[in-house]
């Protein structure tokens, strides 16, 4: 769920409870990371994946405060084969100062672009946020246009900041979640330009 404008910890907790994924654990981790700061906007996204014979759930919670972007991930884990079979979950949070966010990329996929009407929800949104914590370096051997050249031209490549990428789709998550992802992305983009979200 995403919300813009001033909201309360209770609103965020209710959204986490609606996701149905270990709400007490997720809420405690997120609230601890946010602390006493007011919440300006948030997005709760649950994703289910299938791994061989297992179903794994993952929830991502994004929170925007006047000074920080907080991201929380909670995953199901398989237990150690040597011990008793008990459900396990791992939750992590990261707090990022707004001035560290270098990019907020929103990719939209729309159907029938020739008849697109402004304001129509896209079928899919991918939100990518970069703050320099994770850098991906893709290298490949460099070459030249001479097919007979045997010289070593070194390497060429690209460096990409890819700290968080979140995909929501109308088919998988519903139109409300797509709209909420766009609201959160807009609030975060504005916050990185103005130095903080509008409240």
N, C-alpha and C. Protein backbone atom coordinates (compact mmCIF):
# COMPACT_ATOMS: atom_id res chain seq x y z
N UNK A 1 0.84 -1.16 0.00
CA UNK A 1 0.00 0.00 0.00
C UNK A 1 0.89 1.23 0.00
N UNK A 2 0.48 2.25 -0.65
CA UNK A 2 1.25 3.50 -0.65
C UNK A 2 0.34 4.62 -0.21
N UNK A 3 0.91 5.58 0.43
CA UNK A 3 0.11 6.70 0.87
C UNK A 3 1.00 7.93 0.83
N UNK A 4 0.45 9.03 0.40
CA UNK A 4 1.22 10.26 0.41
C UNK A 4 0.55 11.23 1.37
N UNK A 5 1.30 12.24 1.80
CA UNK A 5 0.81 13.14 2.83
C UNK A 5 1.15 12.56 4.18
N UNK A 6 0.87 13.32 5.22
CA UNK A 6 1.19 12.86 6.56
C UNK A 6 0.33 11.66 6.91
N UNK A 7 0.96 10.66 7.45
CA UNK A 7 0.26 9.44 7.83
C UNK A 7 0.79 9.02 9.19
N UNK A 8 0.24 7.97 9.73
CA UNK A 8 0.65 7.53 11.06
C UNK A 8 1.27 6.15 11.00
N UNK A 9 1.95 5.81 12.07
CA UNK A 9 2.52 4.48 12.18
C UNK A 9 1.41 3.43 12.12
N UNK A 10 0.23 3.76 12.65
CA UNK A 10 -0.88 2.82 12.62
C UNK A 10 -1.34 2.53 11.19
N UNK A 11 -1.33 3.55 10.31
CA UNK A 11 -1.69 3.32 8.90
C UNK A 11 -0.72 2.33 8.26
N UNK A 12 0.55 2.52 8.52
CA UNK A 12 1.56 1.62 7.98
C UNK A 12 1.39 0.22 8.54
N UNK A 13 1.16 0.12 9.84
CA UNK A 13 0.96 -1.18 10.47
C UNK A 13 -0.25 -1.89 9.87
N UNK A 14 -1.32 -1.15 9.61
CA UNK A 14 -2.51 -1.76 9.00
C UNK A 14 -2.22 -2.29 7.61
N UNK A 15 -1.43 -1.56 6.83
CA UNK A 15 -1.06 -2.02 5.49
C UNK A 15 -0.23 -3.29 5.57
N UNK A 16 0.69 -3.33 6.52
CA UNK A 16 1.51 -4.54 6.70
C UNK A 16 0.64 -5.71 7.13
N UNK A 17 -0.32 -5.49 8.01
CA UNK A 17 -1.23 -6.56 8.44
C UNK A 17 -2.06 -7.07 7.28
N UNK A 18 -2.49 -6.17 6.38
CA UNK A 18 -3.27 -6.60 5.23
C UNK A 18 -2.46 -7.49 4.29
N UNK A 19 -1.15 -7.30 4.28
CA UNK A 19 -0.31 -8.16 3.42
C UNK A 19 -0.33 -9.59 3.94
N UNK A 20 -0.57 -9.77 5.24
CA UNK A 20 -0.71 -11.10 5.82
C UNK A 20 0.58 -11.86 5.98
N UNK A 21 1.70 -11.21 5.90
CA UNK A 21 2.99 -11.90 5.93
C UNK A 21 3.73 -11.53 7.19
N UNK A 22 3.69 -12.37 8.19
CA UNK A 22 4.35 -12.16 9.48
C UNK A 22 4.25 -10.69 9.93
N UNK A 23 3.05 -10.18 10.09
CA UNK A 23 2.88 -8.74 10.33
C UNK A 23 3.57 -8.23 11.60
N UNK A 24 3.60 -9.02 12.66
CA UNK A 24 4.24 -8.55 13.90
C UNK A 24 5.74 -8.37 13.68
N UNK A 25 6.37 -9.33 13.02
CA UNK A 25 7.81 -9.26 12.75
C UNK A 25 8.14 -8.10 11.82
N UNK A 26 7.40 -7.98 10.71
CA UNK A 26 7.66 -6.92 9.73
C UNK A 26 7.42 -5.55 10.35
N UNK A 27 6.32 -5.38 11.07
CA UNK A 27 6.00 -4.09 11.68
C UNK A 27 7.06 -3.66 12.68
N UNK A 28 7.50 -4.59 13.53
CA UNK A 28 8.51 -4.23 14.52
C UNK A 28 9.81 -3.79 13.85
N UNK A 29 10.24 -4.51 12.81
CA UNK A 29 11.48 -4.14 12.12
C UNK A 29 11.37 -2.77 11.47
N UNK A 30 10.26 -2.52 10.79
CA UNK A 30 10.08 -1.24 10.09
C UNK A 30 9.95 -0.09 11.08
N UNK A 31 9.14 -0.27 12.11
CA UNK A 31 8.94 0.80 13.09
C UNK A 31 10.23 1.12 13.84
N UNK A 32 11.04 0.11 14.10
CA UNK A 32 12.32 0.34 14.75
C UNK A 32 13.24 1.16 13.87
N UNK A 33 13.24 0.89 12.57
CA UNK A 33 14.09 1.64 11.63
C UNK A 33 13.60 3.06 11.43
N UNK A 34 12.29 3.25 11.38
CA UNK A 34 11.72 4.58 11.16
C UNK A 34 11.89 5.45 12.39
N UNK A 35 11.74 4.86 13.57
CA UNK A 35 11.89 5.62 14.81
C UNK A 35 10.78 6.64 14.98
N UNK A 36 11.09 7.79 15.60
CA UNK A 36 10.04 8.77 15.89
C UNK A 36 9.67 9.68 14.73
N UNK A 37 10.35 9.54 13.59
CA UNK A 37 10.07 10.43 12.45
C UNK A 37 8.67 10.21 11.90
N UNK A 38 8.03 11.28 11.41
CA UNK A 38 6.73 11.09 10.76
C UNK A 38 6.90 10.37 9.42
N UNK A 39 5.88 9.65 9.02
CA UNK A 39 5.90 8.91 7.76
C UNK A 39 5.19 9.75 6.71
N UNK A 40 5.88 10.00 5.61
CA UNK A 40 5.31 10.82 4.54
C UNK A 40 4.64 9.97 3.46
N UNK A 41 5.20 8.81 3.17
CA UNK A 41 4.66 7.93 2.15
C UNK A 41 5.21 6.53 2.39
N UNK A 42 4.48 5.52 1.94
CA UNK A 42 4.98 4.15 2.09
C UNK A 42 4.39 3.26 1.01
N UNK A 43 5.06 2.13 0.82
CA UNK A 43 4.61 1.12 -0.12
C UNK A 43 4.91 -0.25 0.49
N UNK A 44 3.91 -1.11 0.52
CA UNK A 44 4.08 -2.48 1.01
C UNK A 44 3.81 -3.40 -0.17
N UNK A 45 4.79 -4.25 -0.50
CA UNK A 45 4.64 -5.14 -1.66
C UNK A 45 5.04 -6.56 -1.28
N UNK A 46 4.10 -7.48 -1.47
CA UNK A 46 4.38 -8.89 -1.19
C UNK A 46 4.58 -9.62 -2.51
N UNK A 47 5.57 -10.50 -2.52
CA UNK A 47 5.87 -11.28 -3.73
C UNK A 47 6.00 -12.74 -3.34
N UNK A 48 5.37 -13.61 -4.11
CA UNK A 48 5.47 -15.05 -3.88
C UNK A 48 6.24 -15.67 -5.03
N UNK A 49 7.23 -16.48 -4.70
CA UNK A 49 8.01 -17.17 -5.73
C UNK A 49 7.96 -18.68 -5.48
N UNK A 50 8.20 -19.42 -6.53
CA UNK A 50 8.18 -20.88 -6.45
C UNK A 50 9.59 -21.38 -6.70
N UNK A 51 10.13 -22.12 -5.73
CA UNK A 51 11.49 -22.64 -5.81
C UNK A 51 11.43 -24.15 -5.68
N UNK A 52 11.59 -24.86 -6.80
CA UNK A 52 11.47 -26.33 -6.84
C UNK A 52 10.11 -26.73 -6.27
N UNK A 53 10.10 -27.41 -5.12
CA UNK A 53 8.83 -27.85 -4.53
C UNK A 53 8.35 -26.93 -3.42
N UNK A 54 8.98 -25.77 -3.28
CA UNK A 54 8.65 -24.88 -2.18
C UNK A 54 8.06 -23.57 -2.68
N UNK A 55 7.16 -23.03 -1.87
CA UNK A 55 6.62 -21.70 -2.12
C UNK A 55 7.28 -20.76 -1.12
N UNK A 56 7.88 -19.68 -1.62
CA UNK A 56 8.54 -18.73 -0.74
C UNK A 56 7.88 -17.37 -0.88
N UNK A 57 7.72 -16.74 0.25
CA UNK A 57 7.13 -15.40 0.25
C UNK A 57 8.20 -14.38 0.61
N UNK A 58 8.01 -13.18 0.10
CA UNK A 58 8.93 -12.07 0.35
C UNK A 58 8.08 -10.81 0.44
N UNK A 59 8.36 -9.98 1.42
CA UNK A 59 7.66 -8.70 1.51
C UNK A 59 8.70 -7.58 1.57
N UNK A 60 8.44 -6.54 0.80
CA UNK A 60 9.28 -5.35 0.79
C UNK A 60 8.43 -4.20 1.29
N UNK A 61 8.96 -3.44 2.24
CA UNK A 61 8.28 -2.26 2.75
C UNK A 61 9.21 -1.06 2.50
N UNK A 62 8.69 -0.07 1.80
CA UNK A 62 9.43 1.16 1.54
C UNK A 62 8.75 2.28 2.30
N UNK A 63 9.53 3.08 3.03
CA UNK A 63 8.98 4.17 3.83
C UNK A 63 9.78 5.44 3.53
N UNK A 64 9.05 6.52 3.35
CA UNK A 64 9.67 7.83 3.15
C UNK A 64 9.35 8.70 4.37
N UNK A 65 10.41 9.26 4.97
CA UNK A 65 10.25 10.21 6.08
C UNK A 65 10.80 11.55 5.60
N UNK A 66 10.72 12.59 6.40
CA UNK A 66 11.26 13.88 5.96
C UNK A 66 12.76 13.87 5.68
N UNK A 67 13.50 12.92 6.25
CA UNK A 67 14.96 12.93 6.06
C UNK A 67 15.52 11.65 5.47
N UNK A 68 14.72 10.54 5.45
CA UNK A 68 15.28 9.25 5.07
C UNK A 68 14.33 8.44 4.20
N UNK A 69 14.95 7.51 3.48
CA UNK A 69 14.26 6.46 2.76
C UNK A 69 14.60 5.17 3.49
N UNK A 70 13.60 4.44 3.95
CA UNK A 70 13.82 3.20 4.70
C UNK A 70 13.28 2.05 3.86
N UNK A 71 14.12 1.02 3.69
CA UNK A 71 13.70 -0.16 2.94
C UNK A 71 13.84 -1.37 3.85
N UNK A 72 12.82 -2.21 3.84
CA UNK A 72 12.83 -3.43 4.65
C UNK A 72 12.47 -4.62 3.77
N UNK A 73 13.22 -5.70 3.95
CA UNK A 73 12.94 -6.96 3.24
C UNK A 73 12.75 -8.05 4.28
N UNK A 74 11.74 -8.88 4.08
CA UNK A 74 11.53 -10.05 4.93
C UNK A 74 11.31 -11.24 4.02
N UNK A 75 12.08 -12.31 4.29
CA UNK A 75 12.05 -13.52 3.46
C UNK A 75 11.84 -14.74 4.32
N UNK A 76 11.16 -15.73 3.74
CA UNK A 76 11.09 -17.04 4.37
C UNK A 76 12.38 -17.78 4.07
N UNK A 77 12.80 -18.59 5.04
CA UNK A 77 14.02 -19.37 4.88
C UNK A 77 13.71 -20.84 5.15
N UNK A 78 14.50 -21.71 4.54
CA UNK A 78 14.37 -23.13 4.86
C UNK A 78 15.26 -23.42 6.06
N UNK A 79 14.80 -24.29 6.92
CA UNK A 79 15.56 -24.63 8.11
C UNK A 79 16.77 -25.49 7.79
N UNK A 80 17.64 -25.59 8.75
CA UNK A 80 18.84 -26.43 8.64
C UNK A 80 18.38 -27.89 8.62
N UNK A 81 18.90 -28.67 7.67
CA UNK A 81 18.50 -30.07 7.53
C UNK A 81 18.85 -30.90 8.76
N UNK A 82 19.85 -30.46 9.54
CA UNK A 82 20.27 -31.24 10.69
C UNK A 82 19.37 -31.00 11.92
N UNK A 83 18.60 -29.93 11.89
CA UNK A 83 17.76 -29.61 13.05
C UNK A 83 16.30 -29.89 12.77
N UNK A 84 15.45 -29.58 13.76
CA UNK A 84 14.01 -29.79 13.56
C UNK A 84 13.47 -28.82 12.50
N UNK A 85 12.47 -29.27 11.77
CA UNK A 85 11.88 -28.45 10.71
C UNK A 85 10.97 -27.39 11.33
N UNK A 86 11.49 -26.18 11.43
CA UNK A 86 10.69 -25.06 11.96
C UNK A 86 10.73 -23.94 10.92
N UNK A 87 9.64 -23.20 10.78
CA UNK A 87 9.65 -22.08 9.85
C UNK A 87 10.63 -21.00 10.32
N UNK A 88 11.35 -20.42 9.38
CA UNK A 88 12.30 -19.36 9.68
C UNK A 88 12.03 -18.18 8.76
N UNK A 89 12.34 -16.98 9.24
CA UNK A 89 12.23 -15.79 8.41
C UNK A 89 13.40 -14.87 8.73
N UNK A 90 13.85 -14.16 7.73
CA UNK A 90 14.92 -13.18 7.90
C UNK A 90 14.37 -11.82 7.52
N UNK A 91 14.58 -10.84 8.38
CA UNK A 91 14.14 -9.49 8.06
C UNK A 91 15.32 -8.54 8.20
N UNK A 92 15.42 -7.60 7.27
CA UNK A 92 16.50 -6.62 7.31
C UNK A 92 15.95 -5.25 6.95
N UNK A 93 16.57 -4.22 7.50
CA UNK A 93 16.18 -2.85 7.17
C UNK A 93 17.42 -2.05 6.84
N UNK A 94 17.24 -1.06 5.99
CA UNK A 94 18.31 -0.12 5.68
C UNK A 94 17.71 1.27 5.64
N UNK A 95 18.39 2.22 6.28
CA UNK A 95 17.97 3.61 6.28
C UNK A 95 18.96 4.41 5.44
N UNK A 96 18.43 5.17 4.49
CA UNK A 96 19.27 5.93 3.57
C UNK A 96 18.88 7.40 3.65
N UNK A 97 19.86 8.27 3.89
CA UNK A 97 19.58 9.70 3.86
C UNK A 97 19.10 10.09 2.47
N UNK A 98 18.15 11.00 2.39
CA UNK A 98 17.60 11.39 1.10
C UNK A 98 18.65 11.98 0.17
N UNK A 99 19.64 12.67 0.73
CA UNK A 99 20.65 13.27 -0.13
C UNK A 99 21.60 12.24 -0.74
N UNK A 100 21.51 10.98 -0.31
CA UNK A 100 22.34 9.92 -0.89
C UNK A 100 21.67 9.25 -2.08
N UNK A 101 20.39 9.46 -2.26
CA UNK A 101 19.68 8.80 -3.36
C UNK A 101 20.08 9.49 -4.66
N UNK A 102 20.69 8.70 -5.55
CA UNK A 102 21.19 9.25 -6.80
C UNK A 102 20.21 9.14 -7.95
N UNK A 103 19.32 8.14 -7.89
CA UNK A 103 18.37 7.99 -8.99
C UNK A 103 17.11 7.29 -8.54
N UNK A 104 16.01 7.72 -9.14
CA UNK A 104 14.71 7.06 -8.97
C UNK A 104 14.21 6.85 -10.40
N UNK A 105 14.22 5.60 -10.84
CA UNK A 105 13.84 5.27 -12.21
C UNK A 105 12.49 4.57 -12.18
N UNK A 106 11.55 5.06 -12.99
CA UNK A 106 10.24 4.46 -13.11
C UNK A 106 10.05 4.02 -14.55
N UNK A 107 9.93 2.71 -14.77
CA UNK A 107 9.68 2.17 -16.10
C UNK A 107 8.22 1.72 -16.15
N UNK A 108 7.52 2.14 -17.19
CA UNK A 108 6.10 1.81 -17.33
C UNK A 108 5.88 1.02 -18.61
N UNK A 109 5.08 -0.03 -18.53
CA UNK A 109 4.68 -0.76 -19.72
C UNK A 109 3.19 -0.53 -19.93
N UNK A 110 2.84 -0.01 -21.11
CA UNK A 110 1.45 0.28 -21.42
C UNK A 110 0.99 -0.54 -22.61
N UNK A 111 -0.28 -0.82 -22.65
CA UNK A 111 -0.87 -1.54 -23.79
C UNK A 111 -1.40 -0.51 -24.78
N UNK A 112 -1.38 -0.85 -26.03
CA UNK A 112 -1.90 0.00 -27.11
C UNK A 112 -1.42 1.44 -26.99
N UNK A 113 -0.11 1.66 -27.07
CA UNK A 113 0.42 3.00 -26.87
C UNK A 113 -0.10 4.02 -27.88
N UNK A 114 -0.55 3.57 -29.05
CA UNK A 114 -1.05 4.51 -30.05
C UNK A 114 -2.36 5.16 -29.63
N UNK A 115 -3.08 4.53 -28.71
CA UNK A 115 -4.34 5.11 -28.23
C UNK A 115 -4.26 5.46 -26.75
N UNK A 116 -3.04 5.63 -26.25
CA UNK A 116 -2.85 5.91 -24.81
C UNK A 116 -3.51 7.23 -24.43
N UNK A 117 -4.21 7.21 -23.30
CA UNK A 117 -4.82 8.40 -22.74
C UNK A 117 -4.09 8.77 -21.46
N UNK A 118 -3.61 10.01 -21.34
CA UNK A 118 -2.92 10.40 -20.10
C UNK A 118 -3.76 10.10 -18.87
N UNK A 119 -3.09 9.55 -17.88
CA UNK A 119 -3.77 9.17 -16.64
C UNK A 119 -4.15 7.70 -16.58
N UNK A 120 -4.07 6.99 -17.70
CA UNK A 120 -4.36 5.56 -17.72
C UNK A 120 -3.23 4.81 -17.01
N UNK A 121 -3.60 3.89 -16.14
CA UNK A 121 -2.57 3.12 -15.43
C UNK A 121 -1.82 2.22 -16.38
N UNK A 122 -0.49 2.12 -16.21
CA UNK A 122 0.26 1.14 -17.01
C UNK A 122 -0.04 -0.26 -16.54
N UNK A 123 0.26 -1.23 -17.38
CA UNK A 123 0.07 -2.64 -17.00
C UNK A 123 1.12 -3.08 -15.99
N UNK A 124 2.29 -2.47 -16.08
CA UNK A 124 3.39 -2.87 -15.21
C UNK A 124 4.26 -1.66 -14.91
N UNK A 125 4.78 -1.61 -13.68
CA UNK A 125 5.71 -0.56 -13.27
C UNK A 125 6.91 -1.23 -12.62
N UNK A 126 8.10 -0.79 -13.02
CA UNK A 126 9.32 -1.23 -12.35
C UNK A 126 9.95 0.01 -11.74
N UNK A 127 10.10 0.00 -10.43
CA UNK A 127 10.70 1.10 -9.69
C UNK A 127 12.11 0.69 -9.29
N UNK A 128 13.10 1.45 -9.77
CA UNK A 128 14.50 1.17 -9.46
C UNK A 128 15.08 2.38 -8.74
N UNK A 129 15.65 2.14 -7.57
CA UNK A 129 16.20 3.22 -6.74
C UNK A 129 17.66 2.93 -6.50
N UNK A 130 18.51 3.93 -6.74
CA UNK A 130 19.93 3.76 -6.54
C UNK A 130 20.48 4.77 -5.55
N UNK A 131 21.27 4.27 -4.58
CA UNK A 131 21.92 5.17 -3.62
C UNK A 131 23.39 4.80 -3.41
N UNK A 132 23.93 3.96 -4.28
CA UNK A 132 25.35 3.68 -4.25
C UNK A 132 25.78 2.55 -3.34
N UNK A 133 24.86 1.82 -2.75
CA UNK A 133 25.24 0.71 -1.88
C UNK A 133 25.64 -0.51 -2.70
N UNK A 134 24.99 -0.70 -3.85
CA UNK A 134 25.27 -1.85 -4.70
C UNK A 134 25.63 -1.33 -6.09
N UNK A 135 26.79 -1.69 -6.56
CA UNK A 135 27.23 -1.34 -7.92
C UNK A 135 27.45 -2.64 -8.69
N UNK A 136 26.87 -2.71 -9.87
CA UNK A 136 27.06 -3.89 -10.71
C UNK A 136 27.98 -3.48 -11.86
N UNK A 137 29.02 -4.27 -12.10
CA UNK A 137 29.98 -4.00 -13.15
C UNK A 137 29.91 -5.13 -14.17
N UNK A 138 29.50 -4.80 -15.39
CA UNK A 138 29.41 -5.78 -16.47
C UNK A 138 30.57 -5.53 -17.43
N UNK A 139 31.47 -6.51 -17.55
CA UNK A 139 32.65 -6.39 -18.41
C UNK A 139 32.60 -7.42 -19.53
N UNK A 140 33.19 -7.03 -20.65
CA UNK A 140 33.36 -7.96 -21.76
C UNK A 140 34.62 -7.56 -22.51
N UNK A 141 35.25 -8.50 -23.20
CA UNK A 141 36.48 -8.16 -23.93
C UNK A 141 36.20 -7.10 -24.99
N UNK A 142 37.08 -6.11 -25.08
CA UNK A 142 36.95 -5.07 -26.10
C UNK A 142 37.55 -5.58 -27.40
N UNK A 143 37.11 -5.03 -28.49
CA UNK A 143 37.63 -5.44 -29.79
C UNK A 143 37.69 -4.25 -30.72
N UNK A 144 38.07 -4.53 -31.95
CA UNK A 144 38.09 -3.48 -32.96
C UNK A 144 37.40 -4.00 -34.22
N UNK A 145 37.27 -3.15 -35.21
CA UNK A 145 36.53 -3.53 -36.41
C UNK A 145 37.34 -4.39 -37.38
N UNK A 146 38.64 -4.58 -37.12
CA UNK A 146 39.48 -5.41 -38.00
C UNK A 146 39.30 -6.88 -37.63
N UNK A 147 38.71 -7.69 -38.53
CA UNK A 147 38.47 -9.10 -38.21
C UNK A 147 39.76 -9.92 -38.07
N UNK A 148 40.88 -9.42 -38.56
CA UNK A 148 42.15 -10.14 -38.48
C UNK A 148 43.03 -9.67 -37.32
N UNK A 149 42.55 -8.72 -36.58
CA UNK A 149 43.34 -8.16 -35.48
C UNK A 149 43.42 -9.17 -34.34
N UNK A 150 44.64 -9.38 -33.83
CA UNK A 150 44.84 -10.29 -32.70
C UNK A 150 45.34 -9.56 -31.47
N UNK A 151 45.29 -8.24 -31.50
CA UNK A 151 45.76 -7.44 -30.37
C UNK A 151 44.80 -7.55 -29.19
N UNK A 152 45.35 -7.36 -28.01
CA UNK A 152 44.54 -7.33 -26.79
C UNK A 152 44.05 -5.90 -26.59
N UNK A 153 42.76 -5.70 -26.70
CA UNK A 153 42.18 -4.37 -26.58
C UNK A 153 41.64 -4.10 -25.17
N UNK A 154 41.92 -4.97 -24.24
CA UNK A 154 41.44 -4.77 -22.87
C UNK A 154 39.98 -5.15 -22.73
N UNK A 155 39.31 -4.44 -21.86
CA UNK A 155 37.91 -4.73 -21.59
C UNK A 155 37.07 -3.47 -21.71
N UNK A 156 35.81 -3.67 -21.97
CA UNK A 156 34.85 -2.58 -21.97
C UNK A 156 33.67 -3.03 -21.13
N UNK A 157 32.93 -2.09 -20.63
CA UNK A 157 31.80 -2.49 -19.79
C UNK A 157 31.03 -1.29 -19.29
N UNK A 158 30.16 -1.57 -18.36
CA UNK A 158 29.34 -0.51 -17.77
C UNK A 158 29.15 -0.79 -16.29
N UNK A 159 29.06 0.29 -15.54
CA UNK A 159 28.79 0.21 -14.11
C UNK A 159 27.37 0.72 -13.88
N UNK A 160 26.60 -0.04 -13.13
CA UNK A 160 25.21 0.31 -12.90
C UNK A 160 24.93 0.29 -11.41
N UNK A 161 24.31 1.37 -10.91
CA UNK A 161 23.83 1.38 -9.53
C UNK A 161 22.46 0.72 -9.51
N UNK A 162 22.32 -0.34 -8.77
CA UNK A 162 21.08 -1.12 -8.79
C UNK A 162 20.78 -1.61 -7.38
N UNK A 163 20.51 -0.67 -6.49
CA UNK A 163 20.31 -1.03 -5.10
C UNK A 163 18.96 -1.71 -4.85
N UNK A 164 17.92 -1.24 -5.53
CA UNK A 164 16.59 -1.81 -5.32
C UNK A 164 15.82 -1.74 -6.62
N UNK A 165 15.23 -2.85 -7.00
CA UNK A 165 14.34 -2.88 -8.16
C UNK A 165 13.09 -3.63 -7.75
N UNK A 166 11.95 -2.97 -7.91
CA UNK A 166 10.68 -3.54 -7.47
C UNK A 166 9.71 -3.51 -8.64
N UNK A 167 9.14 -4.66 -8.99
CA UNK A 167 8.22 -4.76 -10.12
C UNK A 167 6.81 -5.04 -9.60
N UNK A 168 5.86 -4.24 -10.06
CA UNK A 168 4.46 -4.49 -9.76
C UNK A 168 3.69 -4.51 -11.07
N UNK A 169 2.70 -5.39 -11.15
CA UNK A 169 1.92 -5.49 -12.38
C UNK A 169 0.45 -5.54 -12.05
N UNK A 170 -0.33 -5.08 -13.01
CA UNK A 170 -1.78 -5.09 -12.85
C UNK A 170 -2.29 -6.51 -12.71
N UNK A 171 -1.74 -7.43 -13.51
CA UNK A 171 -2.20 -8.82 -13.48
C UNK A 171 -1.83 -9.51 -12.18
N UNK A 172 -0.60 -9.29 -11.69
CA UNK A 172 -0.14 -10.00 -10.50
C UNK A 172 -0.49 -9.34 -9.19
N UNK A 173 -0.50 -7.99 -9.17
CA UNK A 173 -0.67 -7.26 -7.91
C UNK A 173 -1.95 -6.45 -7.84
N UNK A 174 -2.59 -6.22 -8.97
CA UNK A 174 -3.80 -5.43 -9.01
C UNK A 174 -3.52 -3.98 -9.36
N UNK A 175 -4.51 -3.31 -9.95
CA UNK A 175 -4.33 -1.92 -10.37
C UNK A 175 -4.06 -0.97 -9.20
N UNK A 176 -4.60 -1.27 -8.02
CA UNK A 176 -4.37 -0.39 -6.87
C UNK A 176 -2.89 -0.35 -6.49
N UNK A 177 -2.23 -1.50 -6.53
CA UNK A 177 -0.81 -1.54 -6.18
C UNK A 177 0.03 -0.82 -7.23
N UNK A 178 -0.35 -0.94 -8.50
CA UNK A 178 0.37 -0.21 -9.56
C UNK A 178 0.25 1.29 -9.31
N UNK A 179 -0.96 1.76 -9.01
CA UNK A 179 -1.17 3.18 -8.73
C UNK A 179 -0.39 3.62 -7.51
N UNK A 180 -0.35 2.78 -6.49
CA UNK A 180 0.36 3.12 -5.26
C UNK A 180 1.87 3.18 -5.49
N UNK A 181 2.39 2.29 -6.32
CA UNK A 181 3.82 2.33 -6.64
C UNK A 181 4.17 3.64 -7.34
N UNK A 182 3.29 4.11 -8.23
CA UNK A 182 3.54 5.38 -8.92
C UNK A 182 3.48 6.55 -7.94
N UNK A 183 2.55 6.51 -6.99
CA UNK A 183 2.47 7.57 -5.97
C UNK A 183 3.72 7.62 -5.12
N UNK A 184 4.20 6.45 -4.70
CA UNK A 184 5.40 6.42 -3.88
C UNK A 184 6.60 6.92 -4.67
N UNK A 185 6.73 6.47 -5.92
CA UNK A 185 7.85 6.90 -6.76
C UNK A 185 7.84 8.41 -6.94
N UNK A 186 6.67 8.97 -7.13
CA UNK A 186 6.58 10.44 -7.30
C UNK A 186 6.99 11.15 -6.03
N UNK A 187 6.51 10.67 -4.89
CA UNK A 187 6.85 11.30 -3.61
C UNK A 187 8.36 11.21 -3.35
N UNK A 188 8.96 10.06 -3.66
CA UNK A 188 10.39 9.91 -3.44
C UNK A 188 11.18 10.79 -4.40
N UNK A 189 10.75 10.85 -5.66
CA UNK A 189 11.43 11.72 -6.63
C UNK A 189 11.39 13.18 -6.19
N UNK A 190 10.24 13.62 -5.75
CA UNK A 190 10.11 15.01 -5.29
C UNK A 190 10.97 15.26 -4.07
N UNK A 191 11.03 14.29 -3.18
CA UNK A 191 11.82 14.44 -1.95
C UNK A 191 13.32 14.56 -2.25
N UNK A 192 13.78 13.85 -3.27
CA UNK A 192 15.22 13.92 -3.58
C UNK A 192 15.58 15.24 -4.24
N UNK A 193 14.61 15.91 -4.85
CA UNK A 193 14.88 17.20 -5.49
C UNK A 193 14.76 18.34 -4.48
N UNK A 194 13.74 18.28 -3.63
CA UNK A 194 13.46 19.37 -2.72
C UNK A 194 14.18 19.23 -1.38
N UNK A 195 14.82 18.09 -1.15
CA UNK A 195 15.51 17.88 0.12
C UNK A 195 14.63 17.25 1.17
N UNK A 196 13.41 16.92 0.82
CA UNK A 196 12.51 16.27 1.77
C UNK A 196 11.12 16.25 1.18
N UNK A 197 10.26 15.32 1.62
CA UNK A 197 8.92 15.21 1.08
C UNK A 197 8.03 16.36 1.53
N UNK A 198 7.04 16.64 0.71
CA UNK A 198 6.03 17.62 1.11
C UNK A 198 5.07 16.97 2.08
N UNK A 199 4.79 17.65 3.18
CA UNK A 199 3.85 17.08 4.15
C UNK A 199 2.73 18.05 4.40
